[in-house]
């Protein structure tokens, strides 16, 4: 049963991370914020399952959408450092919103100020 719950939470995170980007691109800040809250809520519920929940979210590291991959990677830097950094470094090579977000996540990590999923 837990595996199904984790899959649903990962799907919810994926859906809202993508919808947030689409809302930003439309200039709809209200919708973007709503989707951001929903994706963070899904992550917080995954965290209640400990590292099993974090590992479930890490399945999105290979998602076809860069925004979904980078959203998951930014949250999992502490838990899956090498893999998350690789996802973010690849995304950071581009131009635009998602590469900028990836660059910022990496910068905060290197500075030691990253705190999206404290131990």
PDB file of N, CA and C in Angstrom:
ATOM      1  N   UNK A   1       0.827  -1.204   0.000  1.00  0.00           N
ATOM      2  CA  UNK A   1       0.000   0.000   0.000  1.00  0.00           C
ATOM      3  C   UNK A   1       0.865   1.259   0.000  1.00  0.00           C
ATOM      4  N   UNK A   2       1.942   1.226   0.773  1.00  0.00           N
ATOM      5  CA  UNK A   2       2.808   2.394   0.855  1.00  0.00           C
ATOM      6  C   UNK A   2       3.368   2.765  -0.514  1.00  0.00           C
ATOM      7  N   UNK A   3       3.778   1.766  -1.294  1.00  0.00           N
ATOM      8  CA  UNK A   3       4.346   2.040  -2.619  1.00  0.00           C
ATOM      9  C   UNK A   3       3.352   2.804  -3.491  1.00  0.00           C
ATOM     10  N   UNK A   4       2.078   2.406  -3.454  1.00  0.00           N
ATOM     11  CA  UNK A   4       1.046   3.102  -4.232  1.00  0.00           C
ATOM     12  C   UNK A   4       0.899   4.547  -3.762  1.00  0.00           C
ATOM     13  N   UNK A   5       0.926   4.743  -2.438  1.00  0.00           N
ATOM     14  CA  UNK A   5       0.840   6.097  -1.879  1.00  0.00           C
ATOM     15  C   UNK A   5       2.010   6.943  -2.361  1.00  0.00           C
ATOM     16  N   UNK A   6       3.204   6.364  -2.350  1.00  0.00           N
ATOM     17  CA  UNK A   6       4.388   7.093  -2.799  1.00  0.00           C
ATOM     18  C   UNK A   6       4.269   7.450  -4.273  1.00  0.00           C
ATOM     19  N   UNK A   7       3.811   6.496  -5.083  1.00  0.00           N
ATOM     20  CA  UNK A   7       3.626   6.765  -6.518  1.00  0.00           C
ATOM     21  C   UNK A   7       2.655   7.920  -6.736  1.00  0.00           C
ATOM     22  N   UNK A   8       1.566   7.934  -5.970  1.00  0.00           N
ATOM     23  CA  UNK A   8       0.575   9.015  -6.101  1.00  0.00           C
ATOM     24  C   UNK A   8       1.178  10.355  -5.713  1.00  0.00           C
ATOM     25  N   UNK A   9       1.966  10.376  -4.652  1.00  0.00           N
ATOM     26  CA  UNK A   9       2.598  11.626  -4.225  1.00  0.00           C
ATOM     27  C   UNK A   9       3.627  12.108  -5.245  1.00  0.00           C
ATOM     28  N   UNK A  10       4.389  11.184  -5.813  1.00  0.00           N
ATOM     29  CA  UNK A  10       5.355  11.556  -6.854  1.00  0.00           C
ATOM     30  C   UNK A  10       4.617  12.108  -8.075  1.00  0.00           C
ATOM     31  N   UNK A  11       3.506  11.468  -8.459  1.00  0.00           N
ATOM     32  CA  UNK A  11       2.707  11.947  -9.592  1.00  0.00           C
ATOM     33  C   UNK A  11       2.139  13.334  -9.304  1.00  0.00           C
ATOM     34  N   UNK A  12       1.714  13.555  -8.066  1.00  0.00           N
ATOM     35  CA  UNK A  12       1.183  14.866  -7.679  1.00  0.00           C
ATOM     36  C   UNK A  12       2.291  15.918  -7.771  1.00  0.00           C
ATOM     37  N   UNK A  13       3.475  15.591  -7.265  1.00  0.00           N
ATOM     38  CA  UNK A  13       4.607  16.515  -7.352  1.00  0.00           C
ATOM     39  C   UNK A  13       4.901  16.848  -8.816  1.00  0.00           C
ATOM     40  N   UNK A  14       4.985  15.809  -9.629  1.00  0.00           N
ATOM     41  CA  UNK A  14       5.288  15.960 -11.059  1.00  0.00           C
ATOM     42  C   UNK A  14       4.265  16.871 -11.734  1.00  0.00           C
ATOM     43  N   UNK A  15       2.984  16.603 -11.497  1.00  0.00           N
ATOM     44  CA  UNK A  15       1.899  17.367 -12.111  1.00  0.00           C
ATOM     45  C   UNK A  15       1.982  18.841 -11.718  1.00  0.00           C
ATOM     46  N   UNK A  16       2.183  19.112 -10.441  1.00  0.00           N
ATOM     47  CA  UNK A  16       2.179  20.499  -9.978  1.00  0.00           C
ATOM     48  C   UNK A  16       3.469  21.231 -10.328  1.00  0.00           C
ATOM     49  N   UNK A  17       4.594  20.535 -10.380  1.00  0.00           N
ATOM     50  CA  UNK A  17       5.847  21.175 -10.802  1.00  0.00           C
ATOM     51  C   UNK A  17       5.719  21.638 -12.255  1.00  0.00           C
ATOM     52  N   UNK A  18       5.158  20.795 -13.098  1.00  0.00           N
ATOM     53  CA  UNK A  18       4.958  21.148 -14.512  1.00  0.00           C
ATOM     54  C   UNK A  18       3.934  22.276 -14.652  1.00  0.00           C
ATOM     55  N   UNK A  19       2.842  22.177 -13.910  1.00  0.00           N
ATOM     56  CA  UNK A  19       1.788  23.198 -13.984  1.00  0.00           C
ATOM     57  C   UNK A  19       2.302  24.548 -13.482  1.00  0.00           C
ATOM     58  N   UNK A  20       3.193  24.514 -12.491  1.00  0.00           N
ATOM     59  CA  UNK A  20       3.766  25.765 -11.983  1.00  0.00           C
ATOM     60  C   UNK A  20       4.551  26.468 -13.089  1.00  0.00           C
ATOM     61  N   UNK A  21       5.381  25.718 -13.795  1.00  0.00           N
ATOM     62  CA  UNK A  21       6.162  26.299 -14.890  1.00  0.00           C
ATOM     63  C   UNK A  21       5.239  26.881 -15.958  1.00  0.00           C
ATOM     64  N   UNK A  22       4.205  26.133 -16.312  1.00  0.00           N
ATOM     65  CA  UNK A  22       3.277  26.610 -17.341  1.00  0.00           C
ATOM     66  C   UNK A  22       2.580  27.889 -16.901  1.00  0.00           C
ATOM     67  N   UNK A  23       2.204  27.968 -15.633  1.00  0.00           N
ATOM     68  CA  UNK A  23       1.557  29.179 -15.114  1.00  0.00           C
ATOM     69  C   UNK A  23       2.524  30.362 -15.140  1.00  0.00           C
ATOM     70  N   UNK A  24       3.786  30.124 -14.781  1.00  0.00           N
ATOM     71  CA  UNK A  24       4.796  31.186 -14.824  1.00  0.00           C
ATOM     72  C   UNK A  24       4.939  31.699 -16.256  1.00  0.00           C
ATOM     73  N   UNK A  25       5.002  30.772 -17.208  1.00  0.00           N
ATOM     74  CA  UNK A  25       5.179  31.154 -18.615  1.00  0.00           C
ATOM     75  C   UNK A  25       3.977  31.965 -19.135  1.00  0.00           C
ATOM     76  N   UNK A  26       2.804  31.705 -18.561  1.00  0.00           N
ATOM     77  CA  UNK A  26       1.598  32.477 -18.929  1.00  0.00           C
ATOM     78  C   UNK A  26       1.531  33.801 -18.184  1.00  0.00           C
ATOM     79  N   UNK A  27       2.390  33.977 -17.191  1.00  0.00           N
ATOM     80  CA  UNK A  27       2.359  35.183 -16.384  1.00  0.00           C
ATOM     81  C   UNK A  27       1.289  35.145 -15.306  1.00  0.00           C
ATOM     82  N   UNK A  28       0.851  33.950 -14.936  1.00  0.00           N
ATOM     83  CA  UNK A  28      -0.204  33.782 -13.937  1.00  0.00           C
ATOM     84  C   UNK A  28       0.431  33.426 -12.583  1.00  0.00           C
ATOM     85  N   UNK A  29       0.828  34.457 -11.850  1.00  0.00           N
ATOM     86  CA  UNK A  29       1.528  34.250 -10.582  1.00  0.00           C
ATOM     87  C   UNK A  29       0.654  33.540  -9.554  1.00  0.00           C
ATOM     88  N   UNK A  30      -0.627  33.863  -9.532  1.00  0.00           N
ATOM     89  CA  UNK A  30      -1.524  33.238  -8.545  1.00  0.00           C
ATOM     90  C   UNK A  30      -1.573  31.724  -8.747  1.00  0.00           C
ATOM     91  N   UNK A  31      -1.748  31.294  -9.994  1.00  0.00           N
ATOM     92  CA  UNK A  31      -1.782  29.855 -10.294  1.00  0.00           C
ATOM     93  C   UNK A  31      -0.422  29.220 -10.023  1.00  0.00           C
ATOM     94  N   UNK A  32       0.652  29.920 -10.385  1.00  0.00           N
ATOM     95  CA  UNK A  32       2.003  29.388 -10.157  1.00  0.00           C
ATOM     96  C   UNK A  32       2.233  29.148  -8.669  1.00  0.00           C
ATOM     97  N   UNK A  33       1.827  30.092  -7.848  1.00  0.00           N
ATOM     98  CA  UNK A  33       1.992  29.942  -6.401  1.00  0.00           C
ATOM     99  C   UNK A  33       1.165  28.785  -5.861  1.00  0.00           C
ATOM    100  N   UNK A  34      -0.046  28.625  -6.391  1.00  0.00           N
ATOM    101  CA  UNK A  34      -0.908  27.518  -5.961  1.00  0.00           C
ATOM    102  C   UNK A  34      -0.231  26.180  -6.280  1.00  0.00           C
ATOM    103  N   UNK A  35       0.306  26.068  -7.491  1.00  0.00           N
ATOM    104  CA  UNK A  35       0.973  24.820  -7.894  1.00  0.00           C
ATOM    105  C   UNK A  35       2.263  24.601  -7.098  1.00  0.00           C
ATOM    106  N   UNK A  36       2.978  25.676  -6.784  1.00  0.00           N
ATOM    107  CA  UNK A  36       4.192  25.557  -5.976  1.00  0.00           C
ATOM    108  C   UNK A  36       3.834  24.996  -4.599  1.00  0.00           C
ATOM    109  N   UNK A  37       2.781  25.521  -3.996  1.00  0.00           N
ATOM    110  CA  UNK A  37       2.351  25.032  -2.680  1.00  0.00           C
ATOM    111  C   UNK A  37       1.977  23.554  -2.743  1.00  0.00           C
ATOM    112  N   UNK A  38       1.300  23.150  -3.810  1.00  0.00           N
ATOM    113  CA  UNK A  38       0.891  21.745  -3.959  1.00  0.00           C
ATOM    114  C   UNK A  38       2.092  20.824  -4.151  1.00  0.00           C
ATOM    115  N   UNK A  39       3.075  21.247  -4.937  1.00  0.00           N
ATOM    116  CA  UNK A  39       4.246  20.378  -5.139  1.00  0.00           C
ATOM    117  C   UNK A  39       5.055  20.273  -3.842  1.00  0.00           C
ATOM    118  N   UNK A  40       5.170  21.361  -3.096  1.00  0.00           N
ATOM    119  CA  UNK A  40       5.877  21.318  -1.811  1.00  0.00           C
ATOM    120  C   UNK A  40       5.108  20.452  -0.813  1.00  0.00           C
ATOM    121  N   UNK A  41       3.786  20.541  -0.843  1.00  0.00           N
ATOM    122  CA  UNK A  41       2.971  19.694   0.045  1.00  0.00           C
ATOM    123  C   UNK A  41       3.209  18.218  -0.267  1.00  0.00           C
ATOM    124  N   UNK A  42       3.290  17.880  -1.555  1.00  0.00           N
ATOM    125  CA  UNK A  42       3.560  16.488  -1.949  1.00  0.00           C
ATOM    126  C   UNK A  42       4.940  16.065  -1.454  1.00  0.00           C
ATOM    127  N   UNK A  43       5.938  16.947  -1.595  1.00  0.00           N
ATOM    128  CA  UNK A  43       7.281  16.635  -1.106  1.00  0.00           C
ATOM    129  C   UNK A  43       7.273  16.443   0.410  1.00  0.00           C
ATOM    130  N   UNK A  44       6.579  17.312   1.117  1.00  0.00           N
ATOM    131  CA  UNK A  44       6.526  17.188   2.572  1.00  0.00           C
ATOM    132  C   UNK A  44       5.877  15.876   2.994  1.00  0.00           C
ATOM    133  N   UNK A  45       4.857  15.442   2.265  1.00  0.00           N
ATOM    134  CA  UNK A  45       4.227  14.151   2.572  1.00  0.00           C
ATOM    135  C   UNK A  45       5.184  13.004   2.255  1.00  0.00           C
ATOM    136  N   UNK A  46       5.944  13.125   1.155  1.00  0.00           N
ATOM    137  CA  UNK A  46       6.952  12.101   0.830  1.00  0.00           C
ATOM    138  C   UNK A  46       7.994  12.021   1.945  1.00  0.00           C
ATOM    139  N   UNK A  47       8.377  13.162   2.487  1.00  0.00           N
ATOM    140  CA  UNK A  47       9.386  13.196   3.553  1.00  0.00           C
ATOM    141  C   UNK A  47       8.920  12.471   4.808  1.00  0.00           C
ATOM    142  N   UNK A  48       7.617  12.407   5.018  1.00  0.00           N
ATOM    143  CA  UNK A  48       7.125  11.698   6.203  1.00  0.00           C
ATOM    144  C   UNK A  48       7.452  10.206   6.130  1.00  0.00           C
ATOM    145  N   UNK A  49       7.776   9.725   4.927  1.00  0.00           N
ATOM    146  CA  UNK A  49       8.177   8.327   4.734  1.00  0.00           C
ATOM    147  C   UNK A  49       9.699   8.176   4.822  1.00  0.00           C
ATOM    148  N   UNK A  50      10.381   9.258   5.190  1.00  0.00           N
ATOM    149  CA  UNK A  50      11.837   9.211   5.321  1.00  0.00           C
ATOM    150  C   UNK A  50      12.526   9.071   3.974  1.00  0.00           C
ATOM    151  N   UNK A  51      13.649   8.374   3.985  1.00  0.00           N
ATOM    152  CA  UNK A  51      14.445   8.252   2.763  1.00  0.00           C
ATOM    153  C   UNK A  51      13.736   7.441   1.685  1.00  0.00           C
ATOM    154  N   UNK A  52      12.806   6.581   2.073  1.00  0.00           N
ATOM    155  CA  UNK A  52      12.024   5.838   1.077  1.00  0.00           C
ATOM    156  C   UNK A  52      11.205   6.830   0.235  1.00  0.00           C
ATOM    157  N   UNK A  53      10.625   7.825   0.897  1.00  0.00           N
ATOM    158  CA  UNK A  53       9.873   8.862   0.184  1.00  0.00           C
ATOM    159  C   UNK A  53      10.771   9.717  -0.697  1.00  0.00           C
ATOM    160  N   UNK A  54      11.950  10.052  -0.174  1.00  0.00           N
ATOM    161  CA  UNK A  54      12.907  10.839  -0.969  1.00  0.00           C
ATOM    162  C   UNK A  54      13.358  10.041  -2.189  1.00  0.00           C
ATOM    163  N   UNK A  55      13.632   8.753  -1.982  1.00  0.00           N
ATOM    164  CA  UNK A  55      14.051   7.907  -3.106  1.00  0.00           C
ATOM    165  C   UNK A  55      12.954   7.816  -4.168  1.00  0.00           C
ATOM    166  N   UNK A  56      11.706   7.797  -3.733  1.00  0.00           N
ATOM    167  CA  UNK A  56      10.587   7.773  -4.691  1.00  0.00           C
ATOM    168  C   UNK A  56      10.613   9.030  -5.554  1.00  0.00           C
ATOM    169  N   UNK A  57      10.859  10.186  -4.938  1.00  0.00           N
ATOM    170  CA  UNK A  57      10.918  11.438  -5.707  1.00  0.00           C
ATOM    171  C   UNK A  57      12.106  11.438  -6.666  1.00  0.00           C
ATOM    172  N   UNK A  58      13.185  10.783  -6.281  1.00  0.00           N
ATOM    173  CA  UNK A  58      14.388  10.741  -7.127  1.00  0.00           C
ATOM    174  C   UNK A  58      14.129  10.041  -8.459  1.00  0.00           C
ATOM    175  N   UNK A  59      13.045   9.277  -8.558  1.00  0.00           N
ATOM    176  CA  UNK A  59      12.719   8.657  -9.853  1.00  0.00           C
ATOM    177  C   UNK A  59      12.459   9.721 -10.913  1.00  0.00           C
ATOM    178  N   UNK A  60      12.173  10.953 -10.491  1.00  0.00           N
ATOM    179  CA  UNK A  60      11.913  12.037 -11.446  1.00  0.00           C
ATOM    180  C   UNK A  60      13.202  12.629 -12.028  1.00  0.00           C
ATOM    181  N   UNK A  61      14.367  12.184 -11.571  1.00  0.00           N
ATOM    182  CA  UNK A  61      15.634  12.685 -12.108  1.00  0.00           C
ATOM    183  C   UNK A  61      15.771  12.400 -13.602  1.00  0.00           C
ATOM    184  N   UNK A  62      15.020  11.433 -14.101  1.00  0.00           N
ATOM    185  CA  UNK A  62      15.091  11.096 -15.528  1.00  0.00           C
ATOM    186  C   UNK A  62      13.817  11.514 -16.268  1.00  0.00           C
ATOM    187  N   UNK A  63      12.998  12.344 -15.646  1.00  0.00           N
ATOM    188  CA  UNK A  63      11.746  12.795 -16.267  1.00  0.00           C
ATOM    189  C   UNK A  63      12.052  13.539 -17.566  1.00  0.00           C
ATOM    190  N   UNK A  64      11.189  13.404 -18.585  1.00  0.00           N
ATOM    191  CA  UNK A  64      11.459  14.096 -19.853  1.00  0.00           C
ATOM    192  C   UNK A  64      11.433  15.629 -19.739  1.00  0.00           C
ATOM    193  N   UNK A  65      10.728  16.179 -18.775  1.00  0.00           N
ATOM    194  CA  UNK A  65      10.658  17.636 -18.623  1.00  0.00           C
ATOM    195  C   UNK A  65      11.762  18.128 -17.690  1.00  0.00           C
ATOM    196  N   UNK A  66      12.549  19.063 -18.182  1.00  0.00           N
ATOM    197  CA  UNK A  66      13.643  19.610 -17.400  1.00  0.00           C
ATOM    198  C   UNK A  66      13.141  20.277 -16.119  1.00  0.00           C
ATOM    199  N   UNK A  67      11.990  20.955 -16.170  1.00  0.00           N
ATOM    200  CA  UNK A  67      11.490  21.637 -14.980  1.00  0.00           C
ATOM    201  C   UNK A  67      11.154  20.646 -13.866  1.00  0.00           C
ATOM    202  N   UNK A  68      10.605  19.509 -14.230  1.00  0.00           N
ATOM    203  CA  UNK A  68      10.256  18.484 -13.240  1.00  0.00           C
ATOM    204  C   UNK A  68      11.536  17.863 -12.670  1.00  0.00           C
ATOM    205  N   UNK A  69      12.497  17.547 -13.544  1.00  0.00           N
ATOM    206  CA  UNK A  69      13.778  16.979 -13.087  1.00  0.00           C
ATOM    207  C   UNK A  69      14.477  17.921 -12.110  1.00  0.00           C
ATOM    208  N   UNK A  70      14.558  19.201 -12.484  1.00  0.00           N
ATOM    209  CA  UNK A  70      15.296  20.149 -11.645  1.00  0.00           C
ATOM    210  C   UNK A  70      14.559  20.440 -10.338  1.00  0.00           C
ATOM    211  N   UNK A  71      13.237  20.449 -10.356  1.00  0.00           N
ATOM    212  CA  UNK A  71      12.475  20.674  -9.117  1.00  0.00           C
ATOM    213  C   UNK A  71      12.768  19.555  -8.122  1.00  0.00           C
ATOM    214  N   UNK A  72      12.757  18.321  -8.601  1.00  0.00           N
ATOM    215  CA  UNK A  72      13.058  17.179  -7.731  1.00  0.00           C
ATOM    216  C   UNK A  72      14.513  17.232  -7.259  1.00  0.00           C
ATOM    217  N   UNK A  73      15.414  17.529  -8.168  1.00  0.00           N
ATOM    218  CA  UNK A  73      16.843  17.554  -7.826  1.00  0.00           C
ATOM    219  C   UNK A  73      17.154  18.639  -6.802  1.00  0.00           C
ATOM    220  N   UNK A  74      16.548  19.803  -6.942  1.00  0.00           N
ATOM    221  CA  UNK A  74      16.802  20.897  -5.996  1.00  0.00           C
ATOM    222  C   UNK A  74      16.402  20.486  -4.580  1.00  0.00           C
ATOM    223  N   UNK A  75      15.314  19.740  -4.460  1.00  0.00           N
ATOM    224  CA  UNK A  75      14.843  19.305  -3.150  1.00  0.00           C
ATOM    225  C   UNK A  75      15.661  18.156  -2.571  1.00  0.00           C
ATOM    226  N   UNK A  76      16.330  17.407  -3.429  1.00  0.00           N
ATOM    227  CA  UNK A  76      17.025  16.194  -2.976  1.00  0.00           C
ATOM    228  C   UNK A  76      18.548  16.339  -2.931  1.00  0.00           C
ATOM    229  N   UNK A  77      19.034  17.568  -2.943  1.00  0.00           N
ATOM    230  CA  UNK A  77      20.491  17.772  -2.919  1.00  0.00           C
ATOM    231  C   UNK A  77      21.153  17.134  -1.705  1.00  0.00           C
ATOM    232  N   UNK A  78      20.557  17.222  -0.533  1.00  0.00           N
ATOM    233  CA  UNK A  78      21.183  16.639   0.653  1.00  0.00           C
ATOM    234  C   UNK A  78      21.135  15.116   0.610  1.00  0.00           C
ATOM    235  N   UNK A  79      20.012  14.578   0.169  1.00  0.00           N
ATOM    236  CA  UNK A  79      19.801  13.132   0.215  1.00  0.00           C
ATOM    237  C   UNK A  79      20.540  12.385  -0.895  1.00  0.00           C
ATOM    238  N   UNK A  80      20.491  12.908  -2.108  1.00  0.00           N
ATOM    239  CA  UNK A  80      21.121  12.232  -3.261  1.00  0.00           C
ATOM    240  C   UNK A  80      22.058  13.227  -3.957  1.00  0.00           C
ATOM    241  N   UNK A  81      23.052  13.679  -3.218  1.00  0.00           N
ATOM    242  CA  UNK A  81      23.889  14.806  -3.645  1.00  0.00           C
ATOM    243  C   UNK A  81      24.464  14.656  -5.045  1.00  0.00           C
ATOM    244  N   UNK A  82      25.185  13.577  -5.313  1.00  0.00           N
ATOM    245  CA  UNK A  82      25.870  13.441  -6.608  1.00  0.00           C
ATOM    246  C   UNK A  82      24.874  13.427  -7.767  1.00  0.00           C
ATOM    247  N   UNK A  83      23.807  12.634  -7.626  1.00  0.00           N
ATOM    248  CA  UNK A  83      22.817  12.545  -8.703  1.00  0.00           C
ATOM    249  C   UNK A  83      22.086  13.871  -8.901  1.00  0.00           C
ATOM    250  N   UNK A  84      21.685  14.493  -7.797  1.00  0.00           N
ATOM    251  CA  UNK A  84      20.950  15.759  -7.882  1.00  0.00           C
ATOM    252  C   UNK A  84      21.818  16.843  -8.509  1.00  0.00           C
ATOM    253  N   UNK A  85      23.090  16.908  -8.088  1.00  0.00           N
ATOM    254  CA  UNK A  85      23.997  17.903  -8.676  1.00  0.00           C
ATOM    255  C   UNK A  85      24.163  17.668 -10.174  1.00  0.00           C
ATOM    256  N   UNK A  86      24.262  16.423 -10.585  1.00  0.00           N
ATOM    257  CA  UNK A  86      24.412  16.118 -12.015  1.00  0.00           C
ATOM    258  C   UNK A  86      23.200  16.614 -12.808  1.00  0.00           C
ATOM    259  N   UNK A  87      22.000  16.386 -12.272  1.00  0.00           N
ATOM    260  CA  UNK A  87      20.768  16.855 -12.935  1.00  0.00           C
ATOM    261  C   UNK A  87      20.784  18.382 -13.033  1.00  0.00           C
ATOM    262  N   UNK A  88      21.114  19.036 -11.926  1.00  0.00           N
ATOM    263  CA  UNK A  88      21.106  20.502 -11.899  1.00  0.00           C
ATOM    264  C   UNK A  88      22.206  21.091 -12.775  1.00  0.00           C
ATOM    265  N   UNK A  89      23.382  20.471 -12.778  1.00  0.00           N
ATOM    266  CA  UNK A  89      24.481  20.971 -13.610  1.00  0.00           C
ATOM    267  C   UNK A  89      24.138  20.872 -15.091  1.00  0.00           C
ATOM    268  N   UNK A  90      23.479  19.780 -15.478  1.00  0.00           N
ATOM    269  CA  UNK A  90      23.057  19.626 -16.873  1.00  0.00           C
ATOM    270  C   UNK A  90      22.041  20.709 -17.232  1.00  0.00           C
ATOM    271  N   UNK A  91      21.058  20.929 -16.362  1.00  0.00           N
ATOM    272  CA  UNK A  91      20.019  21.938 -16.624  1.00  0.00           C
ATOM    273  C   UNK A  91      20.608  23.344 -16.638  1.00  0.00           C
ATOM    274  N   UNK A  92      21.612  23.584 -15.795  1.00  0.00           N
ATOM    275  CA  UNK A  92      22.184  24.924 -15.645  1.00  0.00           C
ATOM    276  C   UNK A  92      22.932  25.399 -16.885  1.00  0.00           C
ATOM    277  N   UNK A  93      23.221  24.492 -17.809  1.00  0.00           N
ATOM    278  CA  UNK A  93      23.964  24.853 -19.021  1.00  0.00           C
ATOM    279  C   UNK A  93      23.140  25.707 -19.977  1.00  0.00           C
ATOM    280  N   UNK A  94      21.823  25.658 -19.854  1.00  0.00           N
ATOM    281  CA  UNK A  94      20.967  26.362 -20.798  1.00  0.00           C
ATOM    282  C   UNK A  94      20.723  27.810 -20.432  1.00  0.00           C
ATOM    283  N   UNK A  95      19.754  28.404 -21.110  1.00  0.00           N
ATOM    284  CA  UNK A  95      19.327  29.783 -20.850  1.00  0.00           C
ATOM    285  C   UNK A  95      17.842  29.745 -20.520  1.00  0.00           C
ATOM    286  N   UNK A  96      17.410  30.690 -19.700  1.00  0.00           N
ATOM    287  CA  UNK A  96      15.990  30.769 -19.386  1.00  0.00           C
ATOM    288  C   UNK A  96      15.715  30.478 -17.922  1.00  0.00           C
ATOM    289  N   UNK A  97      14.445  30.363 -17.596  1.00  0.00           N
ATOM    290  CA  UNK A  97      14.000  30.234 -16.213  1.00  0.00           C
ATOM    291  C   UNK A  97      14.522  28.976 -15.528  1.00  0.00           C
ATOM    292  N   UNK A  98      14.349  27.809 -16.148  1.00  0.00           N
ATOM    293  CA  UNK A  98      14.714  26.553 -15.498  1.00  0.00           C
ATOM    294  C   UNK A  98      16.235  26.473 -15.293  1.00  0.00           C
ATOM    295  N   UNK A  99      17.044  26.785 -16.314  1.00  0.00           N
ATOM    296  CA  UNK A  99      18.494  26.796 -16.081  1.00  0.00           C
ATOM    297  C   UNK A  99      18.898  27.781 -14.975  1.00  0.00           C
ATOM    298  N   UNK A 100      18.230  28.937 -14.922  1.00  0.00           N
ATOM    299  CA  UNK A 100      18.528  29.907 -13.869  1.00  0.00           C
ATOM    300  C   UNK A 100      18.214  29.311 -12.496  1.00  0.00           C
ATOM    301  N   UNK A 101      17.061  28.665 -12.373  1.00  0.00           N
ATOM    302  CA  UNK A 101      16.694  28.036 -11.098  1.00  0.00           C
ATOM    303  C   UNK A 101      17.710  26.964 -10.706  1.00  0.00           C
ATOM    304  N   UNK A 102      18.167  26.187 -11.685  1.00  0.00           N
ATOM    305  CA  UNK A 102      19.173  25.154 -11.409  1.00  0.00           C
ATOM    306  C   UNK A 102      20.475  25.794 -10.928  1.00  0.00           C
ATOM    307  N   UNK A 103      20.892  26.884 -11.590  1.00  0.00           N
ATOM    308  CA  UNK A 103      22.110  27.592 -11.191  1.00  0.00           C
ATOM    309  C   UNK A 103      21.993  28.123  -9.759  1.00  0.00           C
ATOM    310  N   UNK A 104      20.829  28.671  -9.426  1.00  0.00           N
ATOM    311  CA  UNK A 104      20.611  29.214  -8.084  1.00  0.00           C
ATOM    312  C   UNK A 104      20.651  28.111  -7.019  1.00  0.00           C
ATOM    313  N   UNK A 105      20.035  26.972  -7.316  1.00  0.00           N
ATOM    314  CA  UNK A 105      20.051  25.855  -6.359  1.00  0.00           C
ATOM    315  C   UNK A 105      21.491  25.402  -6.114  1.00  0.00           C
ATOM    316  N   UNK A 106      22.270  25.279  -7.192  1.00  0.00           N
ATOM    317  CA  UNK A 106      23.673  24.873  -7.055  1.00  0.00           C
ATOM    318  C   UNK A 106      24.475  25.909  -6.269  1.00  0.00           C
ATOM    319  N   UNK A 107      24.210  27.182  -6.530  1.00  0.00           N
ATOM    320  CA  UNK A 107      24.921  28.253  -5.828  1.00  0.00           C
ATOM    321  C   UNK A 107      24.631  28.185  -4.321  1.00  0.00           C
ATOM    322  N   UNK A 108      23.367  28.024  -3.956  1.00  0.00           N
ATOM    323  CA  UNK A 108      22.994  27.938  -2.532  1.00  0.00           C
ATOM    324  C   UNK A 108      23.645  26.710  -1.883  1.00  0.00           C
ATOM    325  N   UNK A 109      23.702  25.618  -2.641  1.00  0.00           N
ATOM    326  CA  UNK A 109      24.326  24.395  -2.115  1.00  0.00           C
ATOM    327  C   UNK A 109      25.808  24.648  -1.831  1.00  0.00           C
ATOM    328  N   UNK A 110      26.500  25.244  -2.805  1.00  0.00           N
ATOM    329  CA  UNK A 110      27.935  25.496  -2.656  1.00  0.00           C
ATOM    330  C   UNK A 110      28.208  26.484  -1.520  1.00  0.00           C
ATOM    331  N   UNK A 111      27.319  27.472  -1.351  1.00  0.00           N
ATOM    332  CA  UNK A 111      27.476  28.471  -0.283  1.00  0.00           C
ATOM    333  C   UNK A 111      27.198  27.874   1.100  1.00  0.00           C
ATOM    334  N   UNK A 112      26.493  26.757   1.122  1.00  0.00           N
ATOM    335  CA  UNK A 112      26.107  26.171   2.395  1.00  0.00           C
ATOM    336  C   UNK A 112      24.839  26.778   2.971  1.00  0.00           C
ATOM    337  N   UNK A 113      24.083  27.507   2.126  1.00  0.00           N
ATOM    338  CA  UNK A 113      22.842  28.134   2.611  1.00  0.00           C
ATOM    339  C   UNK A 113      21.594  27.374   2.175  1.00  0.00           C
ATOM    340  N   UNK A 114      21.771  26.295   1.414  1.00  0.00           N
ATOM    341  CA  UNK A 114      20.638  25.477   0.951  1.00  0.00           C
ATOM    342  C   UNK A 114      19.983  24.827   2.154  1.00  0.00           C
ATOM    343  N   UNK A 115      18.645  24.900   2.230  1.00  0.00           N
ATOM    344  CA  UNK A 115      17.944  24.317   3.387  1.00  0.00           C
ATOM    345  C   UNK A 115      16.544  23.819   3.017  1.00  0.00           C
ATOM    346  N   UNK A 116      16.412  23.219   1.846  1.00  0.00           N
ATOM    347  CA  UNK A 116      15.083  22.789   1.383  1.00  0.00           C
ATOM    348  C   UNK A 116      14.627  21.495   2.038  1.00  0.00           C
ATOM    349  N   UNK A 117      15.556  20.703   2.515  1.00  0.00           N
ATOM    350  CA  UNK A 117      15.217  19.424   3.164  1.00  0.00           C
ATOM    351  C   UNK A 117      16.236  19.177   4.274  1.00  0.00           C
ATOM    352  N   UNK A 118      16.090  19.894   5.383  1.00  0.00           N
ATOM    353  CA  UNK A 118      17.087  19.742   6.456  1.00  0.00           C
ATOM    354  C   UNK A 118      17.129  18.322   7.006  1.00  0.00           C
ATOM    355  N   UNK A 119      18.280  17.943   7.472  1.00  0.00           N
ATOM    356  CA  UNK A 119      18.461  16.584   8.022  1.00  0.00           C
ATOM    357  C   UNK A 119      17.598  16.370   9.238  1.00  0.00           C
TER     358      UNK A 119
END
